Amino acid sequence: MDCQIWWPAEIIGETSHVSDSRSRGIDSHVLVQFYGYYGIAWIDPAREISQLEDCFEERSSNTMDKFQDALTQALERKEYLSANRESLGSPDGLDQSYQQDQSSDK
């Protein structure tokens, strides 16, 4: 059975281009790296990305050690980027800490 779980990730790549992605079914997807285990995947940003703060209380209740480690890494990265934004005076900065609904077999 294929199950979708929420997992913290960061966008690390630009949007896929038509020439290299249409045949793989990832047109307009973005490349993300998952916190905790550092896997990467092309995902659809319109369906599978949300801000770290969206439903944080509910989503962060996952008690798996690997998930909590990944969440800690994502929060530390967000804090680091926020501090850099403030020191550079950039209101929008480069904060790209997002989450992805990661498929897992259960």
PDB file of N, CA and C in Angstrom:
ATOM      1  N   MET A   1       0.843  -1.177   0.000  1.00  0.00           N
ATOM      2  CA  MET A   1       0.000   0.000   0.000  1.00  0.00           C
ATOM      3  C   MET A   1       0.887   1.238   0.000  1.00  0.00           C
ATOM      4  N   ASP A   2       0.591   2.196  -0.858  1.00  0.00           N
ATOM      5  CA  ASP A   2       1.369   3.412  -0.962  1.00  0.00           C
ATOM      6  C   ASP A   2       0.762   4.473  -0.042  1.00  0.00           C
ATOM      7  N   CYS A   3       1.569   5.025   0.840  1.00  0.00           N
ATOM      8  CA  CYS A   3       1.094   5.976   1.835  1.00  0.00           C
ATOM      9  C   CYS A   3       1.871   7.278   1.706  1.00  0.00           C
ATOM     10  N   GLN A   4       1.204   8.402   1.822  1.00  0.00           N
ATOM     11  CA  GLN A   4       1.843   9.710   1.763  1.00  0.00           C
ATOM     12  C   GLN A   4       2.056  10.231   3.182  1.00  0.00           C
ATOM     13  N   ILE A   5       3.309  10.572   3.499  1.00  0.00           N
ATOM     14  CA  ILE A   5       3.583  11.205   4.778  1.00  0.00           C
ATOM     15  C   ILE A   5       4.272  12.530   4.525  1.00  0.00           C
ATOM     16  N   TRP A   6       4.106  13.467   5.423  1.00  0.00           N
ATOM     17  CA  TRP A   6       4.720  14.777   5.328  1.00  0.00           C
ATOM     18  C   TRP A   6       6.161  14.665   5.796  1.00  0.00           C
ATOM     19  N   TRP A   7       7.110  15.237   5.017  1.00  0.00           N
ATOM     20  CA  TRP A   7       8.523  15.162   5.382  1.00  0.00           C
ATOM     21  C   TRP A   7       9.203  16.466   5.008  1.00  0.00           C
ATOM     22  N   PRO A   8      10.020  17.047   5.903  1.00  0.00           N
ATOM     23  CA  PRO A   8      10.700  18.308   5.608  1.00  0.00           C
ATOM     24  C   PRO A   8      11.724  18.156   4.480  1.00  0.00           C
ATOM     25  N   ALA A   9      11.742  19.124   3.577  1.00  0.00           N
ATOM     26  CA  ALA A   9      12.675  19.123   2.454  1.00  0.00           C
ATOM     27  C   ALA A   9      13.013  20.554   2.080  1.00  0.00           C
ATOM     28  N   GLU A  10      14.063  20.730   1.299  1.00  0.00           N
ATOM     29  CA  GLU A  10      14.464  22.047   0.817  1.00  0.00           C
ATOM     30  C   GLU A  10      14.614  21.992  -0.696  1.00  0.00           C
ATOM     31  N   ILE A  11      14.124  23.006  -1.367  1.00  0.00           N
ATOM     32  CA  ILE A  11      14.292  23.095  -2.815  1.00  0.00           C
ATOM     33  C   ILE A  11      15.772  23.347  -3.090  1.00  0.00           C
ATOM     34  N   ILE A  12      16.371  22.495  -3.919  1.00  0.00           N
ATOM     35  CA  ILE A  12      17.796  22.640  -4.230  1.00  0.00           C
ATOM     36  C   ILE A  12      18.043  22.872  -5.710  1.00  0.00           C
ATOM     37  N   GLY A  13      17.014  22.752  -6.530  1.00  0.00           N
ATOM     38  CA  GLY A  13      17.196  22.905  -7.965  1.00  0.00           C
ATOM     39  C   GLY A  13      16.099  23.723  -8.596  1.00  0.00           C
ATOM     40  N   GLU A  14      16.408  24.197  -9.764  1.00  0.00           N
ATOM     41  CA  GLU A  14      15.442  24.972 -10.532  1.00  0.00           C
ATOM     42  C   GLU A  14      14.336  24.068 -11.057  1.00  0.00           C
ATOM     43  N   THR A  15      13.355  24.686 -11.670  1.00  0.00           N
ATOM     44  CA  THR A  15      12.273  23.947 -12.305  1.00  0.00           C
ATOM     45  C   THR A  15      12.831  23.121 -13.452  1.00  0.00           C
ATOM     46  N   SER A  16      12.349  21.902 -13.585  1.00  0.00           N
ATOM     47  CA  SER A  16      12.808  21.044 -14.673  1.00  0.00           C
ATOM     48  C   SER A  16      12.418  21.660 -16.015  1.00  0.00           C
ATOM     49  N   HIS A  17      13.220  21.412 -17.016  1.00  0.00           N
ATOM     50  CA  HIS A  17      12.979  21.966 -18.341  1.00  0.00           C
ATOM     51  C   HIS A  17      12.280  20.946 -19.219  1.00  0.00           C
ATOM     52  N   VAL A  18      11.503  21.444 -20.160  1.00  0.00           N
ATOM     53  CA  VAL A  18      10.712  20.579 -21.029  1.00  0.00           C
ATOM     54  C   VAL A  18      11.587  19.547 -21.728  1.00  0.00           C
ATOM     55  N   SER A  19      12.726  19.955 -22.259  1.00  0.00           N
ATOM     56  CA  SER A  19      13.563  19.051 -23.049  1.00  0.00           C
ATOM     57  C   SER A  19      14.066  17.848 -22.265  1.00  0.00           C
ATOM     58  N   ASP A  20      14.364  18.022 -20.986  1.00  0.00           N
ATOM     59  CA  ASP A  20      14.919  16.911 -20.221  1.00  0.00           C
ATOM     60  C   ASP A  20      13.920  16.232 -19.298  1.00  0.00           C
ATOM     61  N   SER A  21      12.698  16.724 -19.232  1.00  0.00           N
ATOM     62  CA  SER A  21      11.792  16.192 -18.221  1.00  0.00           C
ATOM     63  C   SER A  21      10.476  15.637 -18.735  1.00  0.00           C
ATOM     64  N   ARG A  22      10.050  16.067 -19.876  1.00  0.00           N
ATOM     65  CA  ARG A  22       8.739  15.621 -20.352  1.00  0.00           C
ATOM     66  C   ARG A  22       8.687  14.103 -20.481  1.00  0.00           C
ATOM     67  N   SER A  23       9.761  13.506 -20.982  1.00  0.00           N
ATOM     68  CA  SER A  23       9.774  12.056 -21.158  1.00  0.00           C
ATOM     69  C   SER A  23       9.762  11.325 -19.817  1.00  0.00           C
ATOM     70  N   ARG A  24      10.217  11.978 -18.756  1.00  0.00           N
ATOM     71  CA  ARG A  24      10.227  11.352 -17.434  1.00  0.00           C
ATOM     72  C   ARG A  24       9.003  11.736 -16.608  1.00  0.00           C
ATOM     73  N   GLY A  25       8.120  12.561 -17.151  1.00  0.00           N
ATOM     74  CA  GLY A  25       6.896  12.948 -16.449  1.00  0.00           C
ATOM     75  C   GLY A  25       7.112  13.944 -15.330  1.00  0.00           C
ATOM     76  N   ILE A  26       8.167  14.772 -15.427  1.00  0.00           N
ATOM     77  CA  ILE A  26       8.455  15.725 -14.350  1.00  0.00           C
ATOM     78  C   ILE A  26       8.494  17.162 -14.842  1.00  0.00           C
ATOM     79  N   ASP A  27       7.801  17.454 -15.928  1.00  0.00           N
ATOM     80  CA  ASP A  27       7.766  18.811 -16.462  1.00  0.00           C
ATOM     81  C   ASP A  27       7.278  19.790 -15.404  1.00  0.00           C
ATOM     82  N   SER A  28       8.004  20.870 -15.190  1.00  0.00           N
ATOM     83  CA  SER A  28       7.692  21.936 -14.225  1.00  0.00           C
ATOM     84  C   SER A  28       7.837  21.504 -12.767  1.00  0.00           C
ATOM     85  N   HIS A  29       8.503  20.412 -12.510  1.00  0.00           N
ATOM     86  CA  HIS A  29       8.766  19.985 -11.144  1.00  0.00           C
ATOM     87  C   HIS A  29      10.029  20.680 -10.639  1.00  0.00           C
ATOM     88  N   VAL A  30      10.218  20.676  -9.324  1.00  0.00           N
ATOM     89  CA  VAL A  30      11.432  21.237  -8.722  1.00  0.00           C
ATOM     90  C   VAL A  30      12.168  20.116  -7.997  1.00  0.00           C
ATOM     91  N   LEU A  31      13.493  20.263  -7.928  1.00  0.00           N
ATOM     92  CA  LEU A  31      14.322  19.276  -7.256  1.00  0.00           C
ATOM     93  C   LEU A  31      14.422  19.629  -5.779  1.00  0.00           C
ATOM     94  N   VAL A  32      14.101  18.679  -4.911  1.00  0.00           N
ATOM     95  CA  VAL A  32      14.197  18.896  -3.468  1.00  0.00           C
ATOM     96  C   VAL A  32      15.113  17.854  -2.853  1.00  0.00           C
ATOM     97  N   GLN A  33      15.695  18.231  -1.709  1.00  0.00           N
ATOM     98  CA  GLN A  33      16.487  17.288  -0.915  1.00  0.00           C
ATOM     99  C   GLN A  33      15.800  17.164   0.438  1.00  0.00           C
ATOM    100  N   PHE A  34      15.584  15.933   0.857  1.00  0.00           N
ATOM    101  CA  PHE A  34      14.894  15.678   2.109  1.00  0.00           C
ATOM    102  C   PHE A  34      15.870  15.749   3.272  1.00  0.00           C
ATOM    103  N   TYR A  35      15.449  16.407   4.324  1.00  0.00           N
ATOM    104  CA  TYR A  35      16.257  16.456   5.540  1.00  0.00           C
ATOM    105  C   TYR A  35      16.257  15.084   6.202  1.00  0.00           C
ATOM    106  N   GLY A  36      17.334  14.793   6.902  1.00  0.00           N
ATOM    107  CA  GLY A  36      17.422  13.539   7.645  1.00  0.00           C
ATOM    108  C   GLY A  36      18.143  12.451   6.896  1.00  0.00           C
ATOM    109  N   TYR A  37      17.648  12.113   5.703  1.00  0.00           N
ATOM    110  CA  TYR A  37      18.303  11.045   4.955  1.00  0.00           C
ATOM    111  C   TYR A  37      18.870  11.547   3.632  1.00  0.00           C
ATOM    112  N   TYR A  38      18.648  12.788   3.285  1.00  0.00           N
ATOM    113  CA  TYR A  38      19.256  13.482   2.153  1.00  0.00           C
ATOM    114  C   TYR A  38      18.920  12.895   0.791  1.00  0.00           C
ATOM    115  N   GLY A  39      17.827  12.178   0.701  1.00  0.00           N
ATOM    116  CA  GLY A  39      17.366  11.720  -0.601  1.00  0.00           C
ATOM    117  C   GLY A  39      16.903  12.920  -1.417  1.00  0.00           C
ATOM    118  N   ILE A  40      16.880  12.782  -2.733  1.00  0.00           N
ATOM    119  CA  ILE A  40      16.407  13.858  -3.589  1.00  0.00           C
ATOM    120  C   ILE A  40      15.275  13.345  -4.467  1.00  0.00           C
ATOM    121  N   ALA A  41      14.437  14.278  -4.926  1.00  0.00           N
ATOM    122  CA  ALA A  41      13.326  13.906  -5.796  1.00  0.00           C
ATOM    123  C   ALA A  41      12.842  15.128  -6.558  1.00  0.00           C
ATOM    124  N   TRP A  42      12.312  14.882  -7.746  1.00  0.00           N
ATOM    125  CA  TRP A  42      11.615  15.924  -8.498  1.00  0.00           C
ATOM    126  C   TRP A  42      10.160  15.885  -8.040  1.00  0.00           C
ATOM    127  N   ILE A  43       9.635  17.021  -7.613  1.00  0.00           N
ATOM    128  CA  ILE A  43       8.249  17.047  -7.130  1.00  0.00           C
ATOM    129  C   ILE A  43       7.476  18.188  -7.789  1.00  0.00           C
ATOM    130  N   ASP A  44       6.170  18.063  -7.766  1.00  0.00           N
ATOM    131  CA  ASP A  44       5.271  19.071  -8.319  1.00  0.00           C
ATOM    132  C   ASP A  44       5.013  20.121  -7.241  1.00  0.00           C
ATOM    133  N   PRO A  45       5.533  21.340  -7.415  1.00  0.00           N
ATOM    134  CA  PRO A  45       5.373  22.349  -6.366  1.00  0.00           C
ATOM    135  C   PRO A  45       3.925  22.770  -6.125  1.00  0.00           C
ATOM    136  N   ALA A  46       3.092  22.668  -7.125  1.00  0.00           N
ATOM    137  CA  ALA A  46       1.690  23.067  -6.966  1.00  0.00           C
ATOM    138  C   ALA A  46       0.925  22.113  -6.052  1.00  0.00           C
ATOM    139  N   ARG A  47       1.341  20.852  -5.998  1.00  0.00           N
ATOM    140  CA  ARG A  47       0.613  19.856  -5.208  1.00  0.00           C
ATOM    141  C   ARG A  47       1.354  19.381  -3.970  1.00  0.00           C
ATOM    142  N   GLU A  48       2.695  19.471  -3.962  1.00  0.00           N
ATOM    143  CA  GLU A  48       3.446  18.761  -2.944  1.00  0.00           C
ATOM    144  C   GLU A  48       4.358  19.620  -2.075  1.00  0.00           C
ATOM    145  N   ILE A  49       4.281  20.926  -2.191  1.00  0.00           N
ATOM    146  CA  ILE A  49       5.126  21.790  -1.362  1.00  0.00           C
ATOM    147  C   ILE A  49       4.249  22.692  -0.511  1.00  0.00           C
ATOM    148  N   SER A  50       4.661  22.854   0.740  1.00  0.00           N
ATOM    149  CA  SER A  50       4.005  23.801   1.633  1.00  0.00           C
ATOM    150  C   SER A  50       5.070  24.462   2.496  1.00  0.00           C
ATOM    151  N   GLN A  51       4.740  25.586   3.064  1.00  0.00           N
ATOM    152  CA  GLN A  51       5.660  26.280   3.955  1.00  0.00           C
ATOM    153  C   GLN A  51       5.831  25.472   5.237  1.00  0.00           C
ATOM    154  N   LEU A  52       6.968  25.632   5.869  1.00  0.00           N
ATOM    155  CA  LEU A  52       7.268  24.905   7.105  1.00  0.00           C
ATOM    156  C   LEU A  52       6.206  25.142   8.176  1.00  0.00           C
ATOM    157  N   GLU A  53       5.656  26.343   8.214  1.00  0.00           N
ATOM    158  CA  GLU A  53       4.697  26.689   9.266  1.00  0.00           C
ATOM    159  C   GLU A  53       3.292  26.131   9.035  1.00  0.00           C
ATOM    160  N   ASP A  54       2.968  25.731   7.807  1.00  0.00           N
ATOM    161  CA  ASP A  54       1.626  25.240   7.497  1.00  0.00           C
ATOM    162  C   ASP A  54       1.324  23.970   8.295  1.00  0.00           C
ATOM    163  N   CYS A  55       0.311  24.025   9.132  1.00  0.00           N
ATOM    164  CA  CYS A  55      -0.125  22.876   9.938  1.00  0.00           C
ATOM    165  C   CYS A  55       1.018  22.278  10.756  1.00  0.00           C
ATOM    166  N   PHE A  56       1.920  23.127  11.247  1.00  0.00           N
ATOM    167  CA  PHE A  56       3.121  22.657  11.923  1.00  0.00           C
ATOM    168  C   PHE A  56       2.816  21.780  13.131  1.00  0.00           C
ATOM    169  N   GLU A  57       1.898  22.200  13.975  1.00  0.00           N
ATOM    170  CA  GLU A  57       1.572  21.432  15.190  1.00  0.00           C
ATOM    171  C   GLU A  57       1.148  20.007  14.847  1.00  0.00           C
ATOM    172  N   GLU A  58       0.234  19.885  13.895  1.00  0.00           N
ATOM    173  CA  GLU A  58      -0.270  18.566  13.505  1.00  0.00           C
ATOM    174  C   GLU A  58       0.824  17.720  12.863  1.00  0.00           C
ATOM    175  N   ARG A  59       1.553  18.307  11.933  1.00  0.00           N
ATOM    176  CA  ARG A  59       2.567  17.567  11.189  1.00  0.00           C
ATOM    177  C   ARG A  59       3.768  17.186  12.044  1.00  0.00           C
ATOM    178  N   SER A  60       4.132  18.011  12.995  1.00  0.00           N
ATOM    179  CA  SER A  60       5.329  17.740  13.795  1.00  0.00           C
ATOM    180  C   SER A  60       5.089  16.707  14.891  1.00  0.00           C
ATOM    181  N   SER A  61       3.876  16.190  14.996  1.00  0.00           N
ATOM    182  CA  SER A  61       3.558  15.216  16.039  1.00  0.00           C
ATOM    183  C   SER A  61       4.065  13.808  15.723  1.00  0.00           C
ATOM    184  N   ASN A  62       4.631  13.614  14.531  1.00  0.00           N
ATOM    185  CA  ASN A  62       5.220  12.321  14.171  1.00  0.00           C
ATOM    186  C   ASN A  62       6.369  12.042  15.137  1.00  0.00           C
ATOM    187  N   THR A  63       6.339  10.918  15.837  1.00  0.00           N
ATOM    188  CA  THR A  63       7.326  10.636  16.884  1.00  0.00           C
ATOM    189  C   THR A  63       8.516   9.792  16.413  1.00  0.00           C
ATOM    190  N   MET A  64       8.559   9.421  15.138  1.00  0.00           N
ATOM    191  CA  MET A  64       9.701   8.648  14.640  1.00  0.00           C
ATOM    192  C   MET A  64      10.987   9.441  14.836  1.00  0.00           C
ATOM    193  N   ASP A  65      12.043   8.789  15.321  1.00  0.00           N
ATOM    194  CA  ASP A  65      13.316   9.463  15.558  1.00  0.00           C
ATOM    195  C   ASP A  65      13.865  10.113  14.292  1.00  0.00           C
ATOM    196  N   LYS A  66      13.812   9.397  13.161  1.00  0.00           N
ATOM    197  CA  LYS A  66      14.332   9.945  11.901  1.00  0.00           C
ATOM    198  C   LYS A  66      13.559  11.186  11.491  1.00  0.00           C
ATOM    199  N   PHE A  67      12.248  11.172  11.697  1.00  0.00           N
ATOM    200  CA  PHE A  67      11.451  12.338  11.363  1.00  0.00           C
ATOM    201  C   PHE A  67      11.808  13.514  12.263  1.00  0.00           C
ATOM    202  N   GLN A  68      11.920  13.274  13.558  1.00  0.00           N
ATOM    203  CA  GLN A  68      12.245  14.360  14.490  1.00  0.00           C
ATOM    204  C   GLN A  68      13.629  14.937  14.191  1.00  0.00           C
ATOM    205  N   ASP A  69      14.593  14.096  13.812  1.00  0.00           N
ATOM    206  CA  ASP A  69      15.911  14.586  13.400  1.00  0.00           C
ATOM    207  C   ASP A  69      15.796  15.470  12.161  1.00  0.00           C
ATOM    208  N   ALA A  70      15.007  15.025  11.183  1.00  0.00           N
ATOM    209  CA  ALA A  70      14.809  15.792   9.954  1.00  0.00           C
ATOM    210  C   ALA A  70      14.134  17.130  10.262  1.00  0.00           C
ATOM    211  N   LEU A  71      13.157  17.110  11.141  1.00  0.00           N
ATOM    212  CA  LEU A  71      12.454  18.331  11.512  1.00  0.00           C
ATOM    213  C   LEU A  71      13.395  19.304  12.216  1.00  0.00           C
ATOM    214  N   THR A  72      14.243  18.800  13.092  1.00  0.00           N
ATOM    215  CA  THR A  72      15.230  19.643  13.776  1.00  0.00           C
ATOM    216  C   THR A  72      16.167  20.290  12.759  1.00  0.00           C
ATOM    217  N   GLN A  73      16.634  19.514  11.778  1.00  0.00           N
ATOM    218  CA  GLN A  73      17.509  20.066  10.736  1.00  0.00           C
ATOM    219  C   GLN A  73      16.802  21.156   9.944  1.00  0.00           C
ATOM    220  N   ALA A  74      15.545  20.938   9.602  1.00  0.00           N
ATOM    221  CA  ALA A  74      14.788  21.930   8.838  1.00  0.00           C
ATOM    222  C   ALA A  74      14.606  23.215   9.645  1.00  0.00           C
ATOM    223  N   LEU A  75      14.299  23.085  10.929  1.00  0.00           N
ATOM    224  CA  LEU A  75      14.120  24.265  11.779  1.00  0.00           C
ATOM    225  C   LEU A  75      15.433  25.031  11.954  1.00  0.00           C
ATOM    226  N   GLU A  76      16.534  24.309  12.103  1.00  0.00           N
ATOM    227  CA  GLU A  76      17.840  24.960  12.225  1.00  0.00           C
ATOM    228  C   GLU A  76      18.197  25.698  10.933  1.00  0.00           C
ATOM    229  N   ARG A  77      17.902  25.083   9.783  1.00  0.00           N
ATOM    230  CA  ARG A  77      18.164  25.729   8.492  1.00  0.00           C
ATOM    231  C   ARG A  77      17.310  26.982   8.341  1.00  0.00           C
ATOM    232  N   LYS A  78      16.057  26.901   8.728  1.00  0.00           N
ATOM    233  CA  LYS A  78      15.160  28.057   8.638  1.00  0.00           C
ATOM    234  C   LYS A  78      15.675  29.191   9.527  1.00  0.00           C
ATOM    235  N   GLU A  79      16.105  28.866  10.737  1.00  0.00           N
ATOM    236  CA  GLU A  79      16.638  29.877  11.651  1.00  0.00           C
ATOM    237  C   GLU A  79      17.903  30.519  11.066  1.00  0.00           C
ATOM    238  N   TYR A  80      18.775  29.696  10.497  1.00  0.00           N
ATOM    239  CA  TYR A  80      20.000  30.183   9.883  1.00  0.00           C
ATOM    240  C   TYR A  80      19.688  31.145   8.727  1.00  0.00           C
ATOM    241  N   LEU A  81      18.766  30.755   7.848  1.00  0.00           N
ATOM    242  CA  LEU A  81      18.406  31.610   6.718  1.00  0.00           C
ATOM    243  C   LEU A  81      17.740  32.901   7.174  1.00  0.00           C
ATOM    244  N   SER A  82      16.913  32.816   8.209  1.00  0.00           N
ATOM    245  CA  SER A  82      16.262  34.019   8.741  1.00  0.00           C
ATOM    246  C   SER A  82      17.284  34.985   9.310  1.00  0.00           C
ATOM    247  N   ALA A  83      18.270  34.467  10.027  1.00  0.00           N
ATOM    248  CA  ALA A  83      19.322  35.311  10.593  1.00  0.00           C
ATOM    249  C   ALA A  83      20.128  35.969   9.483  1.00  0.00           C
ATOM    250  N   ASN A  84      20.433  35.231   8.424  1.00  0.00           N
ATOM    251  CA  ASN A  84      21.179  35.794   7.300  1.00  0.00           C
ATOM    252  C   ASN A  84      20.373  36.858   6.578  1.00  0.00           C
ATOM    253  N   ARG A  85      19.079  36.635   6.420  1.00  0.00           N
ATOM    254  CA  ARG A  85      18.204  37.624   5.780  1.00  0.00           C
ATOM    255  C   ARG A  85      18.219  38.922   6.556  1.00  0.00           C
ATOM    256  N   GLU A  86      18.103  38.801   7.874  1.00  0.00           N
ATOM    257  CA  GLU A  86      18.093  39.993   8.726  1.00  0.00           C
ATOM    258  C   GLU A  86      19.412  40.742   8.638  1.00  0.00           C
ATOM    259  N   SER A  87      20.527  40.023   8.646  1.00  0.00           N
ATOM    260  CA  SER A  87      21.829  40.690   8.599  1.00  0.00           C
ATOM    261  C   SER A  87      22.096  41.313   7.240  1.00  0.00           C
ATOM    262  N   LEU A  88      21.495  40.773   6.177  1.00  0.00           N
ATOM    263  CA  LEU A  88      21.664  41.331   4.842  1.00  0.00           C
ATOM    264  C   LEU A  88      20.596  42.364   4.514  1.00  0.00           C
ATOM    265  N   GLY A  89      19.583  42.454   5.363  1.00  0.00           N
ATOM    266  CA  GLY A  89      18.505  43.413   5.141  1.00  0.00           C
ATOM    267  C   GLY A  89      17.579  43.026   4.004  1.00  0.00           C
ATOM    268  N   SER A  90      17.522  41.751   3.667  1.00  0.00           N
ATOM    269  CA  SER A  90      16.663  41.288   2.586  1.00  0.00           C
ATOM    270  C   SER A  90      15.379  40.710   3.157  1.00  0.00           C
ATOM    271  N   PRO A  91      14.216  41.315   2.867  1.00  0.00           N
ATOM    272  CA  PRO A  91      12.962  40.817   3.426  1.00  0.00           C
ATOM    273  C   PRO A  91      12.527  39.477   2.858  1.00  0.00           C
ATOM    274  N   ASP A  92      12.910  39.168   1.620  1.00  0.00           N
ATOM    275  CA  ASP A  92      12.477  37.894   1.065  1.00  0.00           C
ATOM    276  C   ASP A  92      13.580  36.856   1.009  1.00  0.00           C
ATOM    277  N   GLY A  93      14.815  37.221   1.028  1.00  0.00           N
ATOM    278  CA  GLY A  93      15.964  36.331   1.153  1.00  0.00           C
ATOM    279  C   GLY A  93      15.903  35.087   0.305  1.00  0.00           C
ATOM    280  N   LEU A  94      16.551  34.043   0.792  1.00  0.00           N
ATOM    281  CA  LEU A  94      16.645  32.803   0.043  1.00  0.00           C
ATOM    282  C   LEU A  94      16.026  31.636   0.778  1.00  0.00           C
ATOM    283  N   ASP A  95      15.124  31.891   1.713  1.00  0.00           N
ATOM    284  CA  ASP A  95      14.550  30.813   2.522  1.00  0.00           C
ATOM    285  C   ASP A  95      13.705  29.896   1.655  1.00  0.00           C
ATOM    286  N   GLN A  96      14.166  28.669   1.494  1.00  0.00           N
ATOM    287  CA  GLN A  96      13.439  27.706   0.681  1.00  0.00           C
ATOM    288  C   GLN A  96      13.190  26.427   1.464  1.00  0.00           C
ATOM    289  N   SER A  97      12.958  26.541   2.754  1.00  0.00           N
ATOM    290  CA  SER A  97      12.659  25.352   3.544  1.00  0.00           C
ATOM    291  C   SER A  97      11.192  25.011   3.359  1.00  0.00           C
ATOM    292  N   TYR A  98      10.950  23.899   2.762  1.00  0.00           N
ATOM    293  CA  TYR A  98       9.602  23.461   2.452  1.00  0.00           C
ATOM    294  C   TYR A  98       9.434  22.026   2.890  1.00  0.00           C
ATOM    295  N   GLN A  99       8.227  21.564   2.763  1.00  0.00           N
ATOM    296  CA  GLN A  99       7.962  20.168   3.040  1.00  0.00           C
ATOM    297  C   GLN A  99       7.442  19.510   1.799  1.00  0.00           C
ATOM    298  N   GLN A 100       7.537  18.229   1.793  1.00  0.00           N
ATOM    299  CA  GLN A 100       7.112  17.427   0.677  1.00  0.00           C
ATOM    300  C   GLN A 100       6.330  16.249   1.217  1.00  0.00           C
ATOM    301  N   ASP A 101       5.271  15.882   0.532  1.00  0.00           N
ATOM    302  CA  ASP A 101       4.582  14.645   0.868  1.00  0.00           C
ATOM    303  C   ASP A 101       5.390  13.527   0.234  1.00  0.00           C
ATOM    304  N   GLN A 102       6.099  12.782   1.068  1.00  0.00           N
ATOM    305  CA  GLN A 102       7.024  11.746   0.606  1.00  0.00           C
ATOM    306  C   GLN A 102       6.309  10.416   0.573  1.00  0.00           C
ATOM    307  N   SER A 103       6.411   9.710  -0.520  1.00  0.00           N
ATOM    308  CA  SER A 103       5.815   8.375  -0.620  1.00  0.00           C
ATOM    309  C   SER A 103       6.647   7.393   0.178  1.00  0.00           C
ATOM    310  N   SER A 104       5.964   6.515   0.861  1.00  0.00           N
ATOM    311  CA  SER A 104       6.653   5.432   1.556  1.00  0.00           C
ATOM    312  C   SER A 104       5.771   4.202   1.527  1.00  0.00           C
ATOM    313  N   ASP A 105       6.398   3.077   1.479  1.00  0.00           N
ATOM    314  CA  ASP A 105       5.645   1.817   1.481  1.00  0.00           C
ATOM    315  C   ASP A 105       5.362   1.403   2.898  1.00  0.00           C
ATOM    316  N   LYS A 106       4.110   1.181   3.212  1.00  0.00           N
ATOM    317  CA  LYS A 106       3.711   0.719   4.549  1.00  0.00           C
ATOM    318  C   LYS A 106       2.664  -0.342   4.418  1.00  0.00           C
TER     319      LYS A 106
END
